[in-house]
Amino acid sequence: MQRARRPAVIAVVSLAAGVSVAPAAAHDCSEPGKSFRINRGVAGYEDCHLTAWVVHYYYPRDHDPKWLALDFAVQGKVGEAMTFGRDEVHVVHPDGSRTPLISQETYLQQRSSLLPLQLQMQGGDRRSPGNCALKLDFFVDRGLRRSLADVSQYRCMQGNLFFAARTGDWERGSYELDVGGGVGLRMPFEIE
């Protein structure tokens, strides 16, 4: 039985390797993408290869002002997968500096301070228009977390992204969610 499984495992690994490098050249639209504001705190983006939504949650009066949470959903419009890693996701500040996602270890250590914000995200009036079957799972309470995600016209992914302010709080202004890799997305949003 061991010999029968090896070819299947090799095929899956080969397929995954091909998927992760293929989309870089495929993400070339003739028309520029369009960013739009759906309502307060909810922004969208669309181009010929993908559709994305982001909802930002920042409540400095109700929660620790250090934390910024984003509900992010993305779906491709083409059959080829576009892959991105958790280390390719950043918030770009008005001054051009970048803040990466917090680590899984930080997430687990700060779980109690993030919990009220997560509860507000689940029950808030600002819900993402994305309705994805697959969870992004860059942050998990237990179990396996993802370090890579891929989307296509058949794969929509949605999940929470957490960022920690460098100075203790997030200033008002225009920010961007930057998702690199095969997605190559920069989505503006406002902290008011």
Protein backbone atom coordinates (compact mmCIF):
# COMPACT_ATOMS: atom_id res chain seq x y z
CA MET A 1 0.00 0.00 0.00
CA GLN A 2 2.87 2.38 0.65
CA ARG A 3 3.98 2.15 -2.97
CA ALA A 4 0.48 2.92 -4.25
CA ARG A 5 0.30 6.14 -2.22
CA ARG A 6 3.65 7.57 -3.29
CA PRO A 7 2.65 8.41 -6.90
CA ALA A 8 -0.51 10.14 -5.66
CA VAL A 9 1.44 12.16 -3.11
CA ILE A 10 4.02 13.12 -5.73
CA ALA A 11 1.24 14.18 -8.11
CA VAL A 12 -0.42 16.34 -5.45
CA VAL A 13 2.88 17.98 -4.48
CA SER A 14 3.69 18.60 -8.15
CA LEU A 15 0.25 20.09 -8.75
CA ALA A 16 0.55 22.36 -5.71
CA ALA A 17 3.99 23.55 -6.83
CA GLY A 18 2.63 24.35 -10.30
CA VAL A 19 -0.33 26.23 -8.88
CA SER A 20 1.78 28.43 -6.63
CA VAL A 21 4.04 29.73 -9.41
CA ALA A 22 1.66 29.83 -12.36
CA PRO A 23 -0.46 32.91 -11.54
CA ALA A 24 2.30 35.52 -11.38
CA ALA A 25 2.29 36.05 -15.15
CA ALA A 26 -1.48 35.57 -15.43
CA HIS A 27 -2.42 38.66 -13.39
CA ASP A 28 -2.18 41.18 -16.22
CA CYS A 29 -5.37 43.16 -16.80
CA SER A 30 -5.78 45.51 -19.72
CA GLU A 31 -7.93 47.85 -17.60
CA PRO A 32 -6.94 49.03 -14.11
CA GLY A 33 -8.86 47.65 -11.16
CA LYS A 34 -11.56 49.68 -9.41
CA SER A 35 -11.74 50.32 -5.69
CA PHE A 36 -15.08 51.37 -4.27
CA ARG A 37 -16.65 52.09 -0.91
CA ILE A 38 -19.74 50.04 -0.17
CA ASN A 39 -20.57 51.83 3.09
CA ARG A 40 -18.77 53.14 6.16
CA GLY A 41 -15.98 50.70 6.93
CA VAL A 42 -16.63 48.40 3.96
CA ALA A 43 -14.55 48.66 0.78
CA GLY A 44 -14.48 46.60 -2.38
CA TYR A 45 -12.11 46.02 -5.27
CA GLU A 46 -12.65 44.48 -8.68
CA ASP A 47 -10.50 43.86 -11.73
CA CYS A 48 -10.55 41.31 -14.54
CA HIS A 49 -8.99 38.61 -12.33
CA LEU A 50 -10.53 39.00 -8.89
CA THR A 51 -13.10 40.55 -6.60
CA ALA A 52 -12.25 41.42 -2.99
CA TRP A 53 -13.90 43.02 0.04
CA VAL A 54 -12.46 44.32 3.26
CA VAL A 55 -14.27 45.48 6.38
CA HIS A 56 -12.15 47.22 8.97
CA TYR A 57 -12.91 47.07 12.66
CA TYR A 58 -11.22 49.66 14.79
CA TYR A 59 -12.97 50.81 17.95
CA PRO A 60 -10.44 52.69 20.11
CA ARG A 61 -13.09 53.66 22.68
CA ASP A 62 -14.47 50.13 23.06
CA HIS A 63 -11.33 48.01 22.67
CA ASP A 64 -7.57 48.20 23.02
CA PRO A 65 -6.58 50.86 20.42
CA LYS A 66 -3.53 48.78 19.51
CA TRP A 67 -5.58 46.30 17.47
CA LEU A 68 -6.88 46.66 13.94
CA ALA A 69 -8.97 43.79 12.62
CA LEU A 70 -9.94 43.30 8.99
CA ASP A 71 -12.55 40.90 7.63
CA PHE A 72 -11.09 40.05 4.22
CA ALA A 73 -12.71 38.09 1.39
CA VAL A 74 -11.26 37.42 -2.05
CA GLN A 75 -12.36 35.36 -5.05
CA GLY A 76 -10.75 34.94 -8.42
CA LYS A 77 -12.59 35.35 -11.69
CA VAL A 78 -10.34 33.06 -13.71
CA GLY A 79 -9.71 29.34 -13.41
CA GLU A 80 -6.02 29.64 -12.52
CA ALA A 81 -5.26 29.85 -8.83
CA MET A 82 -3.66 32.98 -7.39
CA THR A 83 -1.61 32.16 -4.29
CA PHE A 84 -0.54 34.42 -1.43
CA GLY A 85 1.13 33.77 1.89
CA ARG A 86 0.40 35.22 5.30
CA ASP A 87 3.81 36.93 5.19
CA GLU A 88 2.68 38.78 2.04
CA VAL A 89 -0.21 40.55 3.80
CA HIS A 90 0.45 44.06 5.19
CA VAL A 91 -1.30 47.30 6.05
CA VAL A 92 0.30 50.28 4.32
CA HIS A 93 0.14 53.45 6.45
CA PRO A 94 -0.49 56.98 5.11
CA ASP A 95 3.27 57.63 5.37
CA GLY A 96 4.07 54.53 3.26
CA SER A 97 5.36 52.37 6.12
CA ARG A 98 4.06 48.81 6.40
CA THR A 99 2.71 46.70 9.26
CA PRO A 100 2.62 42.90 8.84
CA LEU A 101 0.05 40.53 10.27
CA ILE A 102 0.64 39.62 13.88
CA SER A 103 2.10 36.15 14.38
CA GLN A 104 0.05 33.13 15.41
CA GLU A 105 1.94 33.16 18.72
CA THR A 106 0.98 36.80 19.37
CA TYR A 107 -2.61 35.97 18.44
CA LEU A 108 -2.73 33.17 21.01
CA GLN A 109 -1.00 35.27 23.70
CA GLN A 110 -3.36 38.22 23.12
CA ARG A 111 -6.50 36.14 22.59
CA SER A 112 -8.28 37.60 25.63
CA SER A 113 -7.69 41.20 24.48
CA LEU A 114 -8.78 40.33 20.91
CA LEU A 115 -11.92 38.43 21.94
CA PRO A 116 -14.22 41.47 22.47
CA LEU A 117 -13.20 42.79 19.05
CA GLN A 118 -13.86 39.40 17.44
CA LEU A 119 -17.30 39.24 19.04
CA GLN A 120 -18.09 42.68 17.67
CA MET A 121 -16.92 41.55 14.23
CA GLN A 122 -19.30 38.58 14.26
CA GLY A 123 -22.33 40.53 15.38
CA GLY A 124 -21.66 43.96 13.95
CA ASP A 125 -23.65 45.83 11.35
CA ARG A 126 -20.61 46.10 9.10
CA ARG A 127 -20.55 42.68 7.51
CA SER A 128 -18.48 41.77 4.50
CA PRO A 129 -20.53 41.20 1.35
CA GLY A 130 -18.26 38.22 0.76
CA ASN A 131 -19.88 34.87 1.50
CA CYS A 132 -17.05 32.42 1.06
CA ALA A 133 -17.25 28.72 1.82
CA LEU A 134 -13.53 28.47 2.61
CA LYS A 135 -11.96 30.04 5.68
CA LEU A 136 -8.66 31.85 5.35
CA ASP A 137 -7.49 30.46 8.73
CA PHE A 138 -4.30 32.50 9.07
CA PHE A 139 -5.24 32.65 12.78
CA VAL A 140 -6.69 29.69 14.67
CA ASP A 141 -7.47 29.05 18.32
CA ARG A 142 -6.43 25.41 17.95
CA GLY A 143 -5.59 23.10 15.10
CA LEU A 144 -3.74 23.84 11.89
CA ARG A 145 -3.42 27.34 10.54
CA ARG A 146 -2.77 28.18 6.92
CA SER A 147 0.42 29.83 5.80
CA LEU A 148 -0.71 29.98 2.15
CA ALA A 149 -4.05 30.61 0.49
CA ASP A 150 -5.10 30.25 -3.10
CA VAL A 151 -8.18 31.63 -4.81
CA SER A 152 -9.73 31.15 -8.22
CA GLN A 153 -13.18 31.38 -9.75
CA TYR A 154 -13.94 28.17 -7.85
CA ARG A 155 -12.27 29.16 -4.58
CA CYS A 156 -13.38 32.11 -2.50
CA MET A 157 -11.62 32.58 0.83
CA GLN A 158 -12.60 34.76 3.75
CA GLY A 159 -11.10 35.37 7.16
CA ASN A 160 -10.00 37.77 9.85
CA LEU A 161 -6.67 39.57 9.67
CA PHE A 162 -5.12 41.13 12.79
CA PHE A 163 -2.56 43.92 12.95
CA ALA A 164 -0.89 45.62 15.94
CA ALA A 165 -0.18 49.36 15.87
CA ARG A 166 3.46 50.34 16.13
CA THR A 167 2.74 53.32 18.38
CA GLY A 168 -0.08 51.97 20.54
CA ASP A 169 -2.96 53.18 18.38
CA TRP A 170 -3.92 53.71 14.74
CA GLU A 171 -4.14 57.28 13.52
CA ARG A 172 -6.95 58.55 11.33
CA GLY A 173 -6.17 58.49 7.64
CA SER A 174 -6.06 56.53 4.39
CA TYR A 175 -4.56 53.06 4.63
CA GLU A 176 -4.22 50.19 2.18
CA LEU A 177 -4.46 46.45 2.60
CA ASP A 178 -1.57 45.05 0.55
CA VAL A 179 -1.87 41.39 -0.46
CA GLY A 180 1.14 40.26 -2.46
CA GLY A 181 2.00 36.98 -4.11
CA GLY A 182 -0.06 36.00 -7.14
CA VAL A 183 -2.95 38.23 -6.02
CA GLY A 184 -1.12 41.58 -6.19
CA LEU A 185 -3.89 43.58 -4.51
CA ARG A 186 -3.74 47.02 -2.86
CA MET A 187 -7.09 47.97 -1.38
CA PRO A 188 -7.66 51.39 0.21
CA PHE A 189 -9.67 51.86 3.40
CA GLU A 190 -10.15 54.75 5.83
CA ILE A 191 -9.74 54.88 9.58
CA GLU A 192 -11.96 57.75 10.72
